[in-house]
Every structure is written in C-alpha cells, then in structure tokens.
Amino acid sequence: LMICMRTDIFQPFEQYSQDAAKFSDQIRGGRPAAGFDKVLMAGDLERERRQACLDVGSVTITDGVAEGLRAAAISVGETAWD
C-alpha cells in the first residue's frame, strides 16, 4: 500500500519536512529490540548499503544475479563477461 498526499495543503512544506525529520530522529533514537544494535526505518538499510558500495567503488552481487544478468545480455545479442 502506498499513500500519497500533498502535505503542503495541511502545512507549509518546510514545516512538514522539519516535523518529519524530528519524528524520524525520535524513532531511530528509541531502544532497539533484543538482539539488535539500533532502530531502523524503511530505507535505512538500503541507504547504508548504497553508501558502502559508493565507498568501495563496486557492487557485490550474488552468483544467481550474475547468471541472470549474463542470460539477459545474451538474450539480446550482447556479449556476456567471463
């Protein structure tokens, strides 16, 4: 489910943005569940993984993903890598 709305109808966008950032900080500042070291929100892991890839300059993929990319390349007449 995805709900989209114009937040500027309810309050100025700048205020909404500040309130959303404050809310996110409150959520992330909560006590993590047992076995976890921090509280995450939707998109946090993806942002962390993206930054890690940018830091090392490459993306690690599984063998299955690599095989799927090879098959897709070959299916459209492109050369697959070794």
C-alpha atoms as a PDB file:
ATOM      1  CA  LEU A   1       0.000   0.000   0.000  1.00  0.00           C
ATOM      2  CA  MET A   2       1.289   3.417  -0.875  1.00  0.00           C
ATOM      3  CA  ILE A   3      -0.477   6.565   0.219  1.00  0.00           C
ATOM      4  CA  CYS A   4       0.488   9.860  -1.392  1.00  0.00           C
ATOM      5  CA  MET A   5      -0.777  13.258  -0.409  1.00  0.00           C
ATOM      6  CA  ARG A   6       0.140  16.892  -0.814  1.00  0.00           C
ATOM      7  CA  THR A   7       1.474  17.796   2.593  1.00  0.00           C
ATOM      8  CA  ASP A   8       1.566  21.481   1.694  1.00  0.00           C
ATOM      9  CA  ILE A   9      -2.243  21.525   1.864  1.00  0.00           C
ATOM     10  CA  PHE A  10      -2.037  20.904   5.612  1.00  0.00           C
ATOM     11  CA  GLN A  11       1.027  22.965   6.490  1.00  0.00           C
ATOM     12  CA  PRO A  12       3.946  24.638   4.735  1.00  0.00           C
ATOM     13  CA  PHE A  13       6.294  22.041   3.243  1.00  0.00           C
ATOM     14  CA  GLU A  14       9.269  23.353   5.229  1.00  0.00           C
ATOM     15  CA  GLN A  15       7.380  22.754   8.484  1.00  0.00           C
ATOM     16  CA  TYR A  16       6.366  19.276   7.329  1.00  0.00           C
ATOM     17  CA  SER A  17       9.967  18.486   6.447  1.00  0.00           C
ATOM     18  CA  GLN A  18      11.195  19.622   9.862  1.00  0.00           C
ATOM     19  CA  ASP A  19       8.467  17.651  11.654  1.00  0.00           C
ATOM     20  CA  ALA A  20       9.215  14.523   9.617  1.00  0.00           C
ATOM     21  CA  ALA A  21      12.945  14.782  10.396  1.00  0.00           C
ATOM     22  CA  LYS A  22      12.184  15.219  14.106  1.00  0.00           C
ATOM     23  CA  PHE A  23       9.847  12.207  14.061  1.00  0.00           C
ATOM     24  CA  SER A  24      12.476  10.088  12.280  1.00  0.00           C
ATOM     25  CA  ASP A  25      15.094  11.102  14.842  1.00  0.00           C
ATOM     26  CA  GLN A  26      12.720  10.137  17.666  1.00  0.00           C
ATOM     27  CA  ILE A  27      12.059   6.714  16.129  1.00  0.00           C
ATOM     28  CA  ARG A  28      15.735   5.996  15.449  1.00  0.00           C
ATOM     29  CA  GLY A  29      16.611   7.214  18.955  1.00  0.00           C
ATOM     30  CA  GLY A  30      14.442   4.571  20.559  1.00  0.00           C
ATOM     31  CA  ARG A  31      15.721   1.498  22.348  1.00  0.00           C
ATOM     32  CA  PRO A  32      16.408  -1.346  19.902  1.00  0.00           C
ATOM     33  CA  ALA A  33      14.731  -4.711  20.316  1.00  0.00           C
ATOM     34  CA  ALA A  34      16.713  -7.522  21.896  1.00  0.00           C
ATOM     35  CA  GLY A  35      19.393  -8.765  19.520  1.00  0.00           C
ATOM     36  CA  PHE A  36      19.603  -5.528  17.541  1.00  0.00           C
ATOM     37  CA  ASP A  37      22.050  -2.660  17.902  1.00  0.00           C
ATOM     38  CA  LYS A  38      19.863   0.134  16.539  1.00  0.00           C
ATOM     39  CA  VAL A  39      16.382   1.075  15.398  1.00  0.00           C
ATOM     40  CA  LEU A  40      15.957   1.294  11.633  1.00  0.00           C
ATOM     41  CA  MET A  41      13.285   2.838   9.470  1.00  0.00           C
ATOM     42  CA  ALA A  42      12.239   1.942   5.943  1.00  0.00           C
ATOM     43  CA  GLY A  43      15.094   2.678   3.545  1.00  0.00           C
ATOM     44  CA  ASP A  44      17.850   2.845   6.178  1.00  0.00           C
ATOM     45  CA  LEU A  45      19.490  -0.460   5.198  1.00  0.00           C
ATOM     46  CA  GLU A  46      19.323   0.415   1.526  1.00  0.00           C
ATOM     47  CA  ARG A  47      20.946   3.808   2.150  1.00  0.00           C
ATOM     48  CA  GLU A  48      23.704   2.175   4.202  1.00  0.00           C
ATOM     49  CA  ARG A  49      24.342  -0.461   1.525  1.00  0.00           C
ATOM     50  CA  ARG A  50      24.378   2.140  -1.229  1.00  0.00           C
ATOM     51  CA  GLN A  51      26.902   4.227   0.669  1.00  0.00           C
ATOM     52  CA  ALA A  52      29.071   1.149   1.322  1.00  0.00           C
ATOM     53  CA  CYS A  53      29.092   0.406  -2.433  1.00  0.00           C
ATOM     54  CA  LEU A  54      29.988   4.012  -3.221  1.00  0.00           C
ATOM     55  CA  ASP A  55      32.782   3.910  -0.641  1.00  0.00           C
ATOM     56  CA  VAL A  56      34.436   0.848  -2.216  1.00  0.00           C
ATOM     57  CA  GLY A  57      33.525   1.752  -5.789  1.00  0.00           C
ATOM     58  CA  SER A  58      31.752  -1.512  -6.628  1.00  0.00           C
ATOM     59  CA  VAL A  59      28.589  -3.508  -6.097  1.00  0.00           C
ATOM     60  CA  THR A  60      28.649  -7.078  -4.836  1.00  0.00           C
ATOM     61  CA  ILE A  61      26.014  -9.358  -6.346  1.00  0.00           C
ATOM     62  CA  THR A  62      25.166 -12.998  -5.828  1.00  0.00           C
ATOM     63  CA  ASP A  63      26.043 -15.691  -8.355  1.00  0.00           C
ATOM     64  CA  GLY A  64      22.346 -16.031  -9.177  1.00  0.00           C
ATOM     65  CA  VAL A  65      22.042 -12.341 -10.035  1.00  0.00           C
ATOM     66  CA  ALA A  66      25.212 -12.534 -12.139  1.00  0.00           C
ATOM     67  CA  GLU A  67      23.830 -15.508 -14.052  1.00  0.00           C
ATOM     68  CA  GLY A  68      20.553 -13.674 -14.639  1.00  0.00           C
ATOM     69  CA  LEU A  69      22.426 -10.649 -15.996  1.00  0.00           C
ATOM     70  CA  ARG A  70      24.532 -12.871 -18.258  1.00  0.00           C
ATOM     71  CA  ALA A  71      21.421 -14.593 -19.593  1.00  0.00           C
ATOM     72  CA  ALA A  72      19.701 -11.249 -20.185  1.00  0.00           C
ATOM     73  CA  ALA A  73      22.737  -9.896 -22.058  1.00  0.00           C
ATOM     74  CA  ILE A  74      22.974 -12.977 -24.250  1.00  0.00           C
ATOM     75  CA  SER A  75      19.214 -12.923 -24.935  1.00  0.00           C
ATOM     76  CA  VAL A  76      19.553  -9.518 -26.599  1.00  0.00           C
ATOM     77  CA  GLY A  77      22.734 -10.357 -28.502  1.00  0.00           C
ATOM     78  CA  GLU A  78      25.204  -8.711 -26.146  1.00  0.00           C
ATOM     79  CA  THR A  79      28.495 -10.227 -25.089  1.00  0.00           C
ATOM     80  CA  ALA A  80      28.474 -11.606 -21.559  1.00  0.00           C
ATOM     81  CA  TRP A  81      31.528 -11.244 -19.371  1.00  0.00           C
ATOM     82  CA  ASP A  82      33.554 -14.147 -18.003  1.00  0.00           C
END
